[in-house]
N, C-alpha and C. Protein backbone atom coordinates (compact mmCIF):
# COMPACT_ATOMS: atom_id res chain seq x y z
N MET A 1 0.83 -1.20 0.00
CA MET A 1 0.00 0.00 0.00
C MET A 1 0.86 1.25 0.00
N LYS A 2 0.37 2.28 -0.67
CA LYS A 2 1.13 3.53 -0.77
C LYS A 2 1.10 4.27 0.55
N ARG A 3 2.24 4.85 0.90
CA ARG A 3 2.39 5.58 2.14
C ARG A 3 3.05 6.91 1.86
N GLN A 4 2.74 7.91 2.69
CA GLN A 4 3.41 9.19 2.56
C GLN A 4 3.51 9.84 3.94
N ILE A 5 4.51 10.70 4.08
CA ILE A 5 4.68 11.48 5.30
C ILE A 5 3.84 12.75 5.16
N ILE A 6 3.01 13.03 6.17
CA ILE A 6 2.22 14.26 6.15
C ILE A 6 2.49 15.07 7.41
N THR A 7 2.28 16.37 7.33
CA THR A 7 2.41 17.25 8.49
C THR A 7 1.02 17.49 9.06
N THR A 8 0.86 17.24 10.36
CA THR A 8 -0.45 17.38 11.00
C THR A 8 -0.64 18.81 11.52
N ALA A 9 -1.82 19.08 12.07
CA ALA A 9 -2.21 20.45 12.42
C ALA A 9 -1.32 21.10 13.47
N ASP A 10 -0.67 20.31 14.33
CA ASP A 10 0.20 20.91 15.35
C ASP A 10 1.65 21.00 14.91
N GLY A 11 1.92 20.70 13.64
CA GLY A 11 3.27 20.80 13.10
C GLY A 11 4.07 19.51 13.16
N SER A 12 3.60 18.52 13.91
CA SER A 12 4.28 17.22 13.97
C SER A 12 3.86 16.37 12.77
N LYS A 13 4.71 15.43 12.41
CA LYS A 13 4.45 14.62 11.22
C LYS A 13 3.97 13.22 11.58
N THR A 14 3.33 12.59 10.63
CA THR A 14 2.93 11.20 10.78
C THR A 14 2.93 10.54 9.41
N ILE A 15 2.60 9.25 9.40
CA ILE A 15 2.54 8.49 8.15
C ILE A 15 1.08 8.28 7.77
N GLN A 16 0.78 8.52 6.51
CA GLN A 16 -0.56 8.26 6.00
C GLN A 16 -0.54 7.06 5.06
N ILE A 17 -1.49 6.13 5.28
CA ILE A 17 -1.70 5.02 4.35
C ILE A 17 -2.70 5.53 3.31
N ILE A 18 -2.24 5.82 2.13
CA ILE A 18 -3.06 6.50 1.13
C ILE A 18 -4.27 5.66 0.74
N ASP A 19 -4.07 4.36 0.51
CA ASP A 19 -5.16 3.50 0.06
C ASP A 19 -6.30 3.42 1.07
N TRP A 20 -5.98 3.58 2.34
CA TRP A 20 -7.00 3.50 3.40
C TRP A 20 -7.50 4.88 3.84
N ASN A 21 -6.80 5.92 3.44
CA ASN A 21 -7.04 7.26 4.00
C ASN A 21 -6.99 7.20 5.52
N GLU A 22 -5.94 6.57 6.02
CA GLU A 22 -5.76 6.33 7.46
C GLU A 22 -4.35 6.77 7.86
N GLN A 23 -4.24 7.38 9.05
CA GLN A 23 -2.95 7.86 9.53
C GLN A 23 -2.51 7.10 10.78
N TYR A 24 -1.20 7.07 11.01
CA TYR A 24 -0.69 6.49 12.25
C TYR A 24 -1.13 7.31 13.45
N HIS A 25 -1.22 8.62 13.29
CA HIS A 25 -1.70 9.52 14.34
C HIS A 25 -2.65 10.52 13.72
N SER A 26 -3.37 11.24 14.56
CA SER A 26 -4.40 12.15 14.08
C SER A 26 -3.83 13.27 13.20
N LYS A 27 -4.51 13.54 12.10
CA LYS A 27 -4.11 14.66 11.24
C LYS A 27 -4.41 16.00 11.91
N HIS A 28 -5.20 15.98 12.99
CA HIS A 28 -5.50 17.19 13.75
C HIS A 28 -4.36 17.55 14.72
N GLY A 29 -3.35 16.70 14.78
CA GLY A 29 -2.20 16.95 15.64
C GLY A 29 -1.66 15.66 16.23
N ALA A 30 -0.63 15.11 15.62
CA ALA A 30 -0.08 13.83 16.07
C ALA A 30 0.44 13.91 17.50
N LEU A 31 1.22 14.92 17.78
CA LEU A 31 1.81 15.05 19.11
C LEU A 31 0.75 15.37 20.16
N GLN A 32 -0.17 16.26 19.83
CA GLN A 32 -1.25 16.61 20.76
C GLN A 32 -2.09 15.39 21.11
N GLU A 33 -2.43 14.60 20.10
CA GLU A 33 -3.23 13.40 20.33
C GLU A 33 -2.50 12.42 21.24
N ALA A 34 -1.23 12.18 20.95
CA ALA A 34 -0.46 11.22 21.73
C ALA A 34 -0.38 11.63 23.20
N TYR A 35 -0.11 12.91 23.44
CA TYR A 35 -0.02 13.39 24.83
C TYR A 35 -1.37 13.30 25.53
N HIS A 36 -2.44 13.67 24.85
CA HIS A 36 -3.75 13.66 25.49
C HIS A 36 -4.20 12.24 25.83
N VAL A 37 -4.20 11.36 24.84
CA VAL A 37 -4.74 10.02 25.01
C VAL A 37 -3.88 9.16 25.92
N PHE A 38 -2.59 9.15 25.67
CA PHE A 38 -1.74 8.17 26.34
C PHE A 38 -1.02 8.69 27.58
N ILE A 39 -0.63 9.95 27.58
CA ILE A 39 0.03 10.50 28.76
C ILE A 39 -0.98 11.01 29.78
N ARG A 40 -1.82 11.96 29.39
CA ARG A 40 -2.75 12.56 30.36
C ARG A 40 -3.79 11.56 30.86
N MET A 41 -4.36 10.77 29.97
CA MET A 41 -5.44 9.87 30.34
C MET A 41 -4.96 8.48 30.74
N GLY A 42 -3.69 8.19 30.52
CA GLY A 42 -3.15 6.88 30.87
C GLY A 42 -2.00 6.96 31.86
N PHE A 43 -0.85 7.39 31.38
CA PHE A 43 0.38 7.43 32.20
C PHE A 43 0.19 8.25 33.48
N GLN A 44 -0.41 9.42 33.37
CA GLN A 44 -0.57 10.29 34.54
C GLN A 44 -1.78 9.90 35.39
N PHE A 45 -2.66 9.08 34.85
CA PHE A 45 -3.83 8.61 35.60
C PHE A 45 -3.45 7.58 36.66
N ILE A 46 -2.43 6.78 36.37
CA ILE A 46 -2.01 5.72 37.28
C ILE A 46 -0.98 6.26 38.26
N ASN A 47 -1.26 6.14 39.53
CA ASN A 47 -0.38 6.67 40.57
C ASN A 47 0.52 5.57 41.12
N LYS A 48 1.52 5.19 40.34
CA LYS A 48 2.48 4.18 40.77
C LYS A 48 3.89 4.65 40.39
N PRO A 49 4.88 4.40 41.22
CA PRO A 49 6.24 4.84 40.91
C PRO A 49 6.91 4.02 39.80
N GLU A 50 6.35 2.82 39.54
CA GLU A 50 6.92 1.95 38.51
C GLU A 50 5.78 1.38 37.67
N LEU A 51 5.94 1.43 36.36
CA LEU A 51 4.89 0.98 35.45
C LEU A 51 5.44 0.01 34.40
N SER A 52 4.63 -0.98 34.08
CA SER A 52 4.89 -1.85 32.95
C SER A 52 3.84 -1.54 31.90
N ILE A 53 4.29 -1.09 30.72
CA ILE A 53 3.39 -0.60 29.68
C ILE A 53 3.50 -1.47 28.43
N LEU A 54 2.34 -1.77 27.84
CA LEU A 54 2.28 -2.46 26.55
C LEU A 54 1.65 -1.52 25.53
N GLU A 55 2.33 -1.29 24.42
CA GLU A 55 1.74 -0.50 23.35
C GLU A 55 1.33 -1.41 22.21
N ILE A 56 0.06 -1.34 21.84
CA ILE A 56 -0.47 -2.10 20.72
C ILE A 56 -0.43 -1.20 19.49
N GLY A 57 0.59 -1.41 18.68
CA GLY A 57 0.83 -0.59 17.50
C GLY A 57 1.96 0.39 17.73
N PHE A 58 3.19 -0.13 17.83
CA PHE A 58 4.35 0.73 18.12
C PHE A 58 4.54 1.81 17.06
N GLY A 59 4.30 1.45 15.81
CA GLY A 59 4.28 2.43 14.73
C GLY A 59 5.52 3.29 14.63
N THR A 60 5.33 4.60 14.71
CA THR A 60 6.41 5.56 14.54
C THR A 60 7.28 5.73 15.79
N GLY A 61 6.84 5.14 16.90
CA GLY A 61 7.60 5.28 18.16
C GLY A 61 7.26 6.53 18.95
N LEU A 62 6.32 7.34 18.44
CA LEU A 62 6.03 8.61 19.11
C LEU A 62 5.51 8.41 20.54
N ASN A 63 4.64 7.44 20.75
CA ASN A 63 4.10 7.22 22.10
C ASN A 63 5.18 6.77 23.07
N ALA A 64 6.11 5.96 22.59
CA ALA A 64 7.23 5.52 23.43
C ALA A 64 8.14 6.70 23.77
N ILE A 65 8.37 7.56 22.79
CA ILE A 65 9.24 8.73 23.00
C ILE A 65 8.69 9.63 24.10
N ILE A 66 7.41 10.00 23.99
CA ILE A 66 6.86 10.93 24.98
C ILE A 66 6.74 10.26 26.35
N THR A 67 6.54 8.95 26.37
CA THR A 67 6.49 8.25 27.66
C THR A 67 7.86 8.24 28.31
N ALA A 68 8.90 8.02 27.52
CA ALA A 68 10.27 8.05 28.06
C ALA A 68 10.60 9.44 28.61
N ILE A 69 10.18 10.47 27.89
CA ILE A 69 10.42 11.85 28.35
C ILE A 69 9.69 12.11 29.65
N GLU A 70 8.42 11.72 29.72
CA GLU A 70 7.63 11.97 30.92
C GLU A 70 8.10 11.12 32.10
N SER A 71 8.58 9.92 31.84
CA SER A 71 9.11 9.09 32.93
C SER A 71 10.39 9.71 33.51
N LYS A 72 11.17 10.33 32.64
CA LYS A 72 12.39 11.02 33.09
C LYS A 72 12.03 12.24 33.92
N LYS A 73 11.07 13.02 33.47
CA LYS A 73 10.65 14.21 34.21
C LYS A 73 10.09 13.85 35.59
N ALA A 74 9.30 12.78 35.64
CA ALA A 74 8.61 12.40 36.88
C ALA A 74 9.41 11.43 37.74
N ASN A 75 10.57 11.01 37.23
CA ASN A 75 11.40 10.03 37.93
C ASN A 75 10.61 8.75 38.24
N ARG A 76 9.91 8.26 37.22
CA ARG A 76 9.16 7.01 37.34
C ARG A 76 9.83 5.95 36.48
N LYS A 77 9.94 4.75 37.00
CA LYS A 77 10.54 3.65 36.26
C LYS A 77 9.51 3.03 35.34
N VAL A 78 9.87 2.85 34.07
CA VAL A 78 8.95 2.28 33.09
C VAL A 78 9.63 1.15 32.32
N ASN A 79 8.96 0.01 32.26
CA ASN A 79 9.33 -1.07 31.37
C ASN A 79 8.29 -1.08 30.24
N TYR A 80 8.74 -0.81 29.03
CA TYR A 80 7.83 -0.52 27.92
C TYR A 80 8.00 -1.57 26.83
N THR A 81 6.89 -2.23 26.48
CA THR A 81 6.88 -3.20 25.40
C THR A 81 6.04 -2.66 24.26
N GLY A 82 6.63 -2.58 23.08
CA GLY A 82 5.91 -2.11 21.90
C GLY A 82 5.77 -3.21 20.87
N VAL A 83 4.53 -3.51 20.50
CA VAL A 83 4.26 -4.59 19.55
C VAL A 83 3.91 -4.00 18.19
N GLU A 84 4.53 -4.51 17.15
CA GLU A 84 4.31 -3.99 15.80
C GLU A 84 4.59 -5.10 14.79
N ALA A 85 3.63 -5.41 13.94
CA ALA A 85 3.82 -6.47 12.94
C ALA A 85 4.67 -5.99 11.76
N TYR A 86 4.54 -4.70 11.42
CA TYR A 86 5.25 -4.16 10.25
C TYR A 86 6.00 -2.89 10.66
N PRO A 87 7.23 -3.04 11.16
CA PRO A 87 7.99 -1.87 11.63
C PRO A 87 8.18 -0.81 10.55
N VAL A 88 8.15 0.43 10.99
CA VAL A 88 8.38 1.57 10.10
C VAL A 88 9.83 1.57 9.63
N SER A 89 10.06 1.90 8.38
CA SER A 89 11.41 1.86 7.82
C SER A 89 12.28 2.98 8.38
N SER A 90 13.58 2.77 8.34
CA SER A 90 14.52 3.78 8.84
C SER A 90 14.43 5.06 8.01
N ASN A 91 14.14 4.93 6.72
CA ASN A 91 13.98 6.11 5.88
C ASN A 91 12.77 6.94 6.31
N GLU A 92 11.66 6.28 6.62
CA GLU A 92 10.47 6.99 7.09
C GLU A 92 10.71 7.66 8.44
N LEU A 93 11.41 6.96 9.33
CA LEU A 93 11.72 7.54 10.63
C LEU A 93 12.56 8.81 10.47
N GLU A 94 13.48 8.78 9.53
CA GLU A 94 14.32 9.96 9.29
C GLU A 94 13.47 11.12 8.77
N LEU A 95 12.52 10.83 7.89
CA LEU A 95 11.66 11.88 7.33
C LEU A 95 10.70 12.45 8.38
N LEU A 96 10.30 11.63 9.35
CA LEU A 96 9.42 12.11 10.42
C LEU A 96 10.14 13.15 11.29
N ASN A 97 11.44 12.95 11.46
CA ASN A 97 12.29 13.94 12.15
C ASN A 97 11.74 14.31 13.53
N TYR A 98 11.39 13.30 14.33
CA TYR A 98 10.78 13.57 15.63
C TYR A 98 11.72 14.25 16.63
N SER A 99 13.00 14.10 16.44
CA SER A 99 13.93 14.73 17.39
C SER A 99 13.76 16.25 17.42
N ASP A 100 13.30 16.84 16.31
CA ASP A 100 13.12 18.30 16.26
C ASP A 100 11.90 18.78 17.04
N LEU A 101 11.06 17.85 17.50
CA LEU A 101 9.88 18.24 18.27
C LEU A 101 10.20 18.53 19.73
N PHE A 102 11.38 18.11 20.18
CA PHE A 102 11.68 18.16 21.60
C PHE A 102 12.94 18.97 21.90
N LYS A 103 13.09 19.33 23.16
CA LYS A 103 14.26 20.09 23.60
C LYS A 103 15.54 19.30 23.34
N THR A 104 16.63 20.02 23.24
CA THR A 104 17.92 19.42 22.92
C THR A 104 18.26 18.26 23.84
N GLU A 105 17.93 18.37 25.11
CA GLU A 105 18.29 17.32 26.08
C GLU A 105 17.61 15.98 25.78
N PHE A 106 16.51 16.01 25.02
CA PHE A 106 15.77 14.78 24.73
C PHE A 106 16.08 14.20 23.36
N LYS A 107 16.84 14.90 22.54
CA LYS A 107 17.11 14.42 21.19
C LYS A 107 17.84 13.07 21.17
N PRO A 108 18.85 12.85 22.04
CA PRO A 108 19.50 11.53 22.04
C PRO A 108 18.54 10.40 22.39
N LEU A 109 17.57 10.69 23.27
CA LEU A 109 16.58 9.69 23.66
C LEU A 109 15.74 9.26 22.45
N VAL A 110 15.34 10.22 21.63
CA VAL A 110 14.56 9.91 20.43
C VAL A 110 15.34 8.98 19.52
N ASN A 111 16.60 9.29 19.31
CA ASN A 111 17.43 8.47 18.42
C ASN A 111 17.65 7.07 18.99
N LYS A 112 17.82 6.97 20.29
CA LYS A 112 18.01 5.66 20.92
C LYS A 112 16.78 4.77 20.73
N ILE A 113 15.60 5.35 20.87
CA ILE A 113 14.37 4.57 20.70
C ILE A 113 14.24 4.08 19.27
N HIS A 114 14.51 4.94 18.31
CA HIS A 114 14.38 4.55 16.90
C HIS A 114 15.46 3.56 16.48
N GLN A 115 16.63 3.66 17.07
CA GLN A 115 17.75 2.80 16.67
C GLN A 115 17.86 1.52 17.49
N SER A 116 17.05 1.37 18.53
CA SER A 116 17.15 0.18 19.38
C SER A 116 16.78 -1.07 18.60
N THR A 117 17.40 -2.16 18.96
CA THR A 117 17.23 -3.44 18.25
C THR A 117 15.90 -4.10 18.63
N TRP A 118 15.25 -4.64 17.62
CA TRP A 118 14.01 -5.36 17.87
C TRP A 118 14.30 -6.70 18.57
N GLU A 119 13.36 -7.11 19.41
CA GLU A 119 13.35 -8.41 20.10
C GLU A 119 14.26 -8.48 21.32
N PHE A 120 14.83 -7.37 21.74
CA PHE A 120 15.69 -7.36 22.93
C PHE A 120 15.27 -6.24 23.87
N LEU A 121 15.21 -6.53 25.16
CA LEU A 121 14.95 -5.50 26.17
C LEU A 121 16.21 -4.66 26.33
N GLN A 122 16.07 -3.34 26.16
CA GLN A 122 17.24 -2.47 26.18
C GLN A 122 17.00 -1.23 27.02
N PRO A 123 18.03 -0.76 27.75
CA PRO A 123 17.89 0.50 28.50
C PRO A 123 18.03 1.70 27.56
N ILE A 124 17.02 2.57 27.57
CA ILE A 124 17.08 3.81 26.80
C ILE A 124 17.54 4.94 27.70
N GLU A 125 16.99 4.95 28.92
CA GLU A 125 17.37 5.85 30.00
C GLU A 125 17.45 4.99 31.26
N PRO A 126 18.08 5.48 32.34
CA PRO A 126 18.14 4.67 33.56
C PRO A 126 16.76 4.21 34.04
N ASN A 127 15.72 5.03 33.82
CA ASN A 127 14.38 4.69 34.29
C ASN A 127 13.45 4.20 33.18
N PHE A 128 13.99 4.00 31.98
CA PHE A 128 13.12 3.59 30.87
C PHE A 128 13.79 2.48 30.07
N HIS A 129 13.16 1.30 30.11
CA HIS A 129 13.65 0.15 29.34
C HIS A 129 12.63 -0.21 28.27
N LEU A 130 13.12 -0.50 27.08
CA LEU A 130 12.26 -0.71 25.92
C LEU A 130 12.48 -2.09 25.31
N HIS A 131 11.36 -2.77 25.01
CA HIS A 131 11.40 -4.05 24.32
C HIS A 131 10.47 -3.97 23.12
N LYS A 132 11.03 -3.84 21.92
CA LYS A 132 10.23 -3.78 20.70
C LYS A 132 10.08 -5.21 20.15
N LYS A 133 8.83 -5.62 19.93
CA LYS A 133 8.54 -6.97 19.45
C LYS A 133 7.83 -6.92 18.10
N LYS A 134 8.38 -7.64 17.15
CA LYS A 134 7.73 -7.79 15.85
C LYS A 134 6.74 -8.94 15.97
N LEU A 135 5.45 -8.58 16.07
CA LEU A 135 4.45 -9.57 16.45
C LEU A 135 3.08 -9.11 15.96
N PHE A 136 2.26 -10.06 15.52
CA PHE A 136 0.87 -9.74 15.23
C PHE A 136 0.11 -9.66 16.55
N PHE A 137 -0.86 -8.76 16.62
CA PHE A 137 -1.59 -8.58 17.88
C PHE A 137 -2.28 -9.87 18.32
N GLN A 138 -2.72 -10.67 17.34
CA GLN A 138 -3.40 -11.91 17.66
C GLN A 138 -2.47 -12.93 18.34
N GLU A 139 -1.16 -12.70 18.25
CA GLU A 139 -0.19 -13.63 18.84
C GLU A 139 0.16 -13.30 20.28
N ILE A 140 -0.37 -12.21 20.82
CA ILE A 140 -0.05 -11.82 22.19
C ILE A 140 -0.69 -12.79 23.17
N GLU A 141 0.11 -13.34 24.08
CA GLU A 141 -0.39 -14.32 25.04
C GLU A 141 0.03 -13.96 26.46
N ASP A 142 0.45 -12.74 26.70
CA ASP A 142 0.88 -12.32 28.04
C ASP A 142 -0.30 -12.38 29.02
N LYS A 143 0.02 -12.71 30.26
CA LYS A 143 -1.00 -12.76 31.31
C LYS A 143 -0.50 -12.01 32.54
N THR A 144 -1.35 -11.12 33.07
CA THR A 144 -1.04 -10.29 34.25
C THR A 144 0.40 -9.76 34.20
N ALA A 145 0.71 -9.07 33.12
CA ALA A 145 2.09 -8.61 32.89
C ALA A 145 2.22 -7.09 32.84
N TYR A 146 1.10 -6.37 32.69
CA TYR A 146 1.18 -4.93 32.44
C TYR A 146 0.22 -4.14 33.33
N ASP A 147 0.62 -2.91 33.64
CA ASP A 147 -0.23 -1.99 34.39
C ASP A 147 -1.04 -1.10 33.47
N LEU A 148 -0.54 -0.90 32.25
CA LEU A 148 -1.16 0.06 31.34
C LEU A 148 -0.97 -0.40 29.90
N ILE A 149 -2.05 -0.32 29.12
CA ILE A 149 -1.98 -0.62 27.69
C ILE A 149 -2.35 0.62 26.90
N TYR A 150 -1.47 0.98 25.96
CA TYR A 150 -1.78 2.00 24.97
C TYR A 150 -2.33 1.25 23.75
N PHE A 151 -3.62 1.34 23.50
CA PHE A 151 -4.19 0.63 22.35
C PHE A 151 -4.27 1.61 21.19
N ASP A 152 -3.33 1.49 20.26
CA ASP A 152 -3.15 2.48 19.19
C ASP A 152 -3.08 1.81 17.83
N ALA A 153 -3.96 0.81 17.63
CA ALA A 153 -4.03 0.14 16.33
C ALA A 153 -4.70 1.04 15.31
N PHE A 154 -4.55 0.70 14.02
CA PHE A 154 -5.30 1.41 12.99
C PHE A 154 -6.79 1.28 13.30
N GLY A 155 -7.58 2.25 12.85
CA GLY A 155 -8.99 2.32 13.22
C GLY A 155 -9.81 1.12 12.81
N ALA A 156 -10.91 0.93 13.56
CA ALA A 156 -11.83 -0.18 13.30
C ALA A 156 -12.47 -0.08 11.92
N ARG A 157 -12.50 1.10 11.35
CA ARG A 157 -13.05 1.27 10.00
C ARG A 157 -12.28 0.46 8.98
N VAL A 158 -10.95 0.39 9.15
CA VAL A 158 -10.11 -0.30 8.16
C VAL A 158 -9.62 -1.66 8.64
N GLN A 159 -9.51 -1.86 9.96
CA GLN A 159 -9.08 -3.15 10.50
C GLN A 159 -9.96 -3.55 11.69
N PRO A 160 -11.22 -3.87 11.44
CA PRO A 160 -12.14 -4.20 12.54
C PRO A 160 -11.71 -5.41 13.35
N GLU A 161 -10.95 -6.32 12.73
CA GLU A 161 -10.52 -7.54 13.44
C GLU A 161 -9.55 -7.24 14.58
N LEU A 162 -8.96 -6.04 14.60
CA LEU A 162 -8.03 -5.67 15.67
C LEU A 162 -8.76 -5.07 16.88
N TRP A 163 -10.07 -4.91 16.76
CA TRP A 163 -10.84 -4.25 17.81
C TRP A 163 -11.97 -5.14 18.32
N ASP A 164 -11.96 -6.40 18.00
CA ASP A 164 -13.09 -7.25 18.37
C ASP A 164 -12.92 -7.86 19.76
N LYS A 165 -13.90 -8.65 20.16
CA LYS A 165 -13.94 -9.23 21.50
C LYS A 165 -12.71 -10.12 21.78
N ASN A 166 -12.26 -10.85 20.76
CA ASN A 166 -11.11 -11.76 20.96
C ASN A 166 -9.85 -10.99 21.32
N ILE A 167 -9.60 -9.88 20.63
CA ILE A 167 -8.42 -9.07 20.93
C ILE A 167 -8.56 -8.41 22.29
N MET A 168 -9.74 -7.91 22.61
CA MET A 168 -9.93 -7.25 23.91
C MET A 168 -9.81 -8.24 25.06
N ALA A 169 -10.17 -9.49 24.83
CA ALA A 169 -9.97 -10.51 25.87
C ALA A 169 -8.48 -10.73 26.12
N LYS A 170 -7.68 -10.67 25.07
CA LYS A 170 -6.23 -10.77 25.23
C LYS A 170 -5.69 -9.60 26.04
N MET A 171 -6.23 -8.40 25.78
CA MET A 171 -5.81 -7.22 26.53
C MET A 171 -6.17 -7.36 28.01
N TYR A 172 -7.36 -7.86 28.27
CA TYR A 172 -7.82 -8.05 29.65
C TYR A 172 -6.89 -9.01 30.39
N ARG A 173 -6.56 -10.12 29.75
CA ARG A 173 -5.67 -11.11 30.39
C ARG A 173 -4.27 -10.56 30.59
N ALA A 174 -3.83 -9.69 29.70
CA ALA A 174 -2.46 -9.16 29.78
C ALA A 174 -2.27 -8.19 30.93
N LEU A 175 -3.37 -7.57 31.40
CA LEU A 175 -3.27 -6.55 32.45
C LEU A 175 -3.25 -7.15 33.84
N ASN A 176 -2.53 -6.46 34.72
CA ASN A 176 -2.61 -6.76 36.14
C ASN A 176 -3.97 -6.29 36.68
N SER A 177 -4.32 -6.72 37.88
CA SER A 177 -5.51 -6.22 38.54
C SER A 177 -5.43 -4.71 38.68
N GLN A 178 -6.50 -4.02 38.40
CA GLN A 178 -6.58 -2.56 38.39
C GLN A 178 -5.80 -1.93 37.24
N GLY A 179 -5.42 -2.75 36.28
CA GLY A 179 -4.74 -2.24 35.10
C GLY A 179 -5.66 -1.42 34.22
N VAL A 180 -5.06 -0.58 33.37
CA VAL A 180 -5.81 0.40 32.58
C VAL A 180 -5.46 0.27 31.10
N LEU A 181 -6.47 0.38 30.25
CA LEU A 181 -6.29 0.46 28.80
C LEU A 181 -6.84 1.79 28.34
N VAL A 182 -6.07 2.52 27.54
CA VAL A 182 -6.55 3.77 26.95
C VAL A 182 -6.43 3.69 25.43
N THR A 183 -7.41 4.27 24.76
CA THR A 183 -7.41 4.30 23.30
C THR A 183 -8.10 5.56 22.80
N TYR A 184 -7.68 6.01 21.63
CA TYR A 184 -8.30 7.18 21.00
C TYR A 184 -9.71 6.88 20.53
N SER A 185 -10.04 5.60 20.35
CA SER A 185 -11.34 5.24 19.80
C SER A 185 -12.47 5.45 20.82
N ALA A 186 -13.63 5.86 20.32
CA ALA A 186 -14.83 5.93 21.15
C ALA A 186 -15.98 5.18 20.48
N LYS A 187 -15.66 4.36 19.50
CA LYS A 187 -16.66 3.64 18.72
C LYS A 187 -17.49 2.73 19.62
N GLY A 188 -18.79 2.69 19.38
CA GLY A 188 -19.69 1.90 20.21
C GLY A 188 -19.33 0.42 20.24
N SER A 189 -18.95 -0.14 19.10
CA SER A 189 -18.60 -1.56 19.04
C SER A 189 -17.35 -1.86 19.86
N VAL A 190 -16.42 -0.91 19.91
CA VAL A 190 -15.20 -1.08 20.70
C VAL A 190 -15.55 -1.04 22.19
N ARG A 191 -16.36 -0.09 22.58
CA ARG A 191 -16.78 0.01 23.98
C ARG A 191 -17.50 -1.26 24.43
N ARG A 192 -18.38 -1.79 23.58
CA ARG A 192 -19.11 -3.01 23.93
C ARG A 192 -18.18 -4.21 24.03
N ALA A 193 -17.21 -4.31 23.12
CA ALA A 193 -16.25 -5.42 23.18
C ALA A 193 -15.45 -5.38 24.47
N LEU A 194 -15.03 -4.20 24.89
CA LEU A 194 -14.31 -4.05 26.15
C LEU A 194 -15.18 -4.47 27.33
N GLN A 195 -16.42 -4.04 27.34
CA GLN A 195 -17.31 -4.38 28.44
C GLN A 195 -17.62 -5.87 28.49
N GLU A 196 -17.77 -6.49 27.34
CA GLU A 196 -18.12 -7.91 27.28
C GLU A 196 -17.04 -8.80 27.89
N VAL A 197 -15.79 -8.37 27.82
CA VAL A 197 -14.71 -9.21 28.38
C VAL A 197 -14.39 -8.87 29.82
N GLY A 198 -15.10 -7.88 30.40
CA GLY A 198 -14.96 -7.61 31.82
C GLY A 198 -14.47 -6.24 32.23
N PHE A 199 -14.11 -5.40 31.26
CA PHE A 199 -13.61 -4.07 31.59
C PHE A 199 -14.74 -3.15 32.08
N GLN A 200 -14.40 -2.25 32.99
CA GLN A 200 -15.24 -1.11 33.30
C GLN A 200 -14.78 0.03 32.39
N VAL A 201 -15.70 0.57 31.61
CA VAL A 201 -15.32 1.50 30.55
C VAL A 201 -15.93 2.88 30.79
N GLU A 202 -15.11 3.91 30.58
CA GLU A 202 -15.62 5.27 30.68
C GLU A 202 -15.25 6.06 29.42
N ARG A 203 -16.18 6.92 29.02
CA ARG A 203 -15.91 7.86 27.93
C ARG A 203 -15.26 9.11 28.52
N LEU A 204 -14.24 9.59 27.84
CA LEU A 204 -13.53 10.79 28.28
C LEU A 204 -13.46 11.79 27.13
N PRO A 205 -13.23 13.06 27.43
CA PRO A 205 -13.04 14.04 26.34
C PRO A 205 -11.88 13.61 25.44
N GLY A 206 -12.07 13.73 24.15
CA GLY A 206 -11.05 13.30 23.20
C GLY A 206 -10.02 14.37 22.91
N PRO A 207 -9.01 14.03 22.13
CA PRO A 207 -7.98 15.00 21.72
C PRO A 207 -8.55 15.94 20.67
N PRO A 208 -7.80 16.96 20.26
CA PRO A 208 -8.29 17.88 19.22
C PRO A 208 -8.81 17.13 17.99
N GLY A 209 -9.99 17.53 17.53
CA GLY A 209 -10.59 16.90 16.37
C GLY A 209 -11.42 15.68 16.66
N LYS A 210 -11.50 15.29 17.95
CA LYS A 210 -12.26 14.09 18.31
C LYS A 210 -13.01 14.36 19.61
N ARG A 211 -14.32 14.09 19.61
CA ARG A 211 -15.15 14.46 20.76
C ARG A 211 -14.86 13.60 21.98
N GLU A 212 -14.67 12.28 21.79
CA GLU A 212 -14.50 11.38 22.92
C GLU A 212 -13.41 10.34 22.66
N MET A 213 -12.96 9.70 23.73
CA MET A 213 -12.04 8.56 23.70
C MET A 213 -12.48 7.62 24.82
N LEU A 214 -11.82 6.47 24.93
CA LEU A 214 -12.20 5.49 25.95
C LEU A 214 -11.04 5.17 26.89
N ARG A 215 -11.41 4.95 28.15
CA ARG A 215 -10.48 4.39 29.13
C ARG A 215 -11.18 3.19 29.78
N ALA A 216 -10.49 2.07 29.85
CA ALA A 216 -11.05 0.84 30.39
C ALA A 216 -10.19 0.34 31.55
N ILE A 217 -10.84 -0.13 32.61
CA ILE A 217 -10.13 -0.56 33.80
C ILE A 217 -10.48 -2.01 34.12
N LYS A 218 -9.46 -2.81 34.38
CA LYS A 218 -9.65 -4.19 34.85
C LYS A 218 -9.82 -4.12 36.37
N ALA A 219 -11.05 -4.09 36.80
CA ALA A 219 -11.34 -3.77 38.20
C ALA A 219 -11.11 -4.91 39.19
N CYS A 220 -10.94 -6.12 38.70
CA CYS A 220 -10.79 -7.25 39.61
C CYS A 220 -9.38 -7.29 40.22
């Protein structure tokens, strides 16, 4: 499928899948969306000094980058696992130029995340360890391993099989008790799938360009 780098409304870039008219991040602001959905509604919502995070759809690495930055600022230890079936090419990462979005002190961190080897747990910062896994979401079999899931798959409009009850059951099993899943989606079918497998689900204000998003909690 044809792909192109586009500049979103907040000046940050993302990748667009032309055939699907679908982006890795919101065209209304890639960086704004990532901070709102995953940092404010996820990372900062959980009050723990140490977090184990699973990202569903590692993509461009933007969510991992901002989480590493925020973990450094807050002095919180994070073990971060990013799952991606089709890793973004080094040429595309260079064109995204994410290091220019952040202060000079964080530029080396951006490069370390993009250059880190797949399939190995590696220290990016003293408080941030990253494990990038080349894996289909359907192959995830982790159980009670994570405190927080960033669910950032392509939208249900183009890949509904990534948002169904079977996948959400895997997410439920992967979380620790009181674990949290956050996603940009507010689609009714997604909310129902989360509820059917046992999550307590709440609608929250969405990022720019989107009225709502979802946060789900494994309450047991």
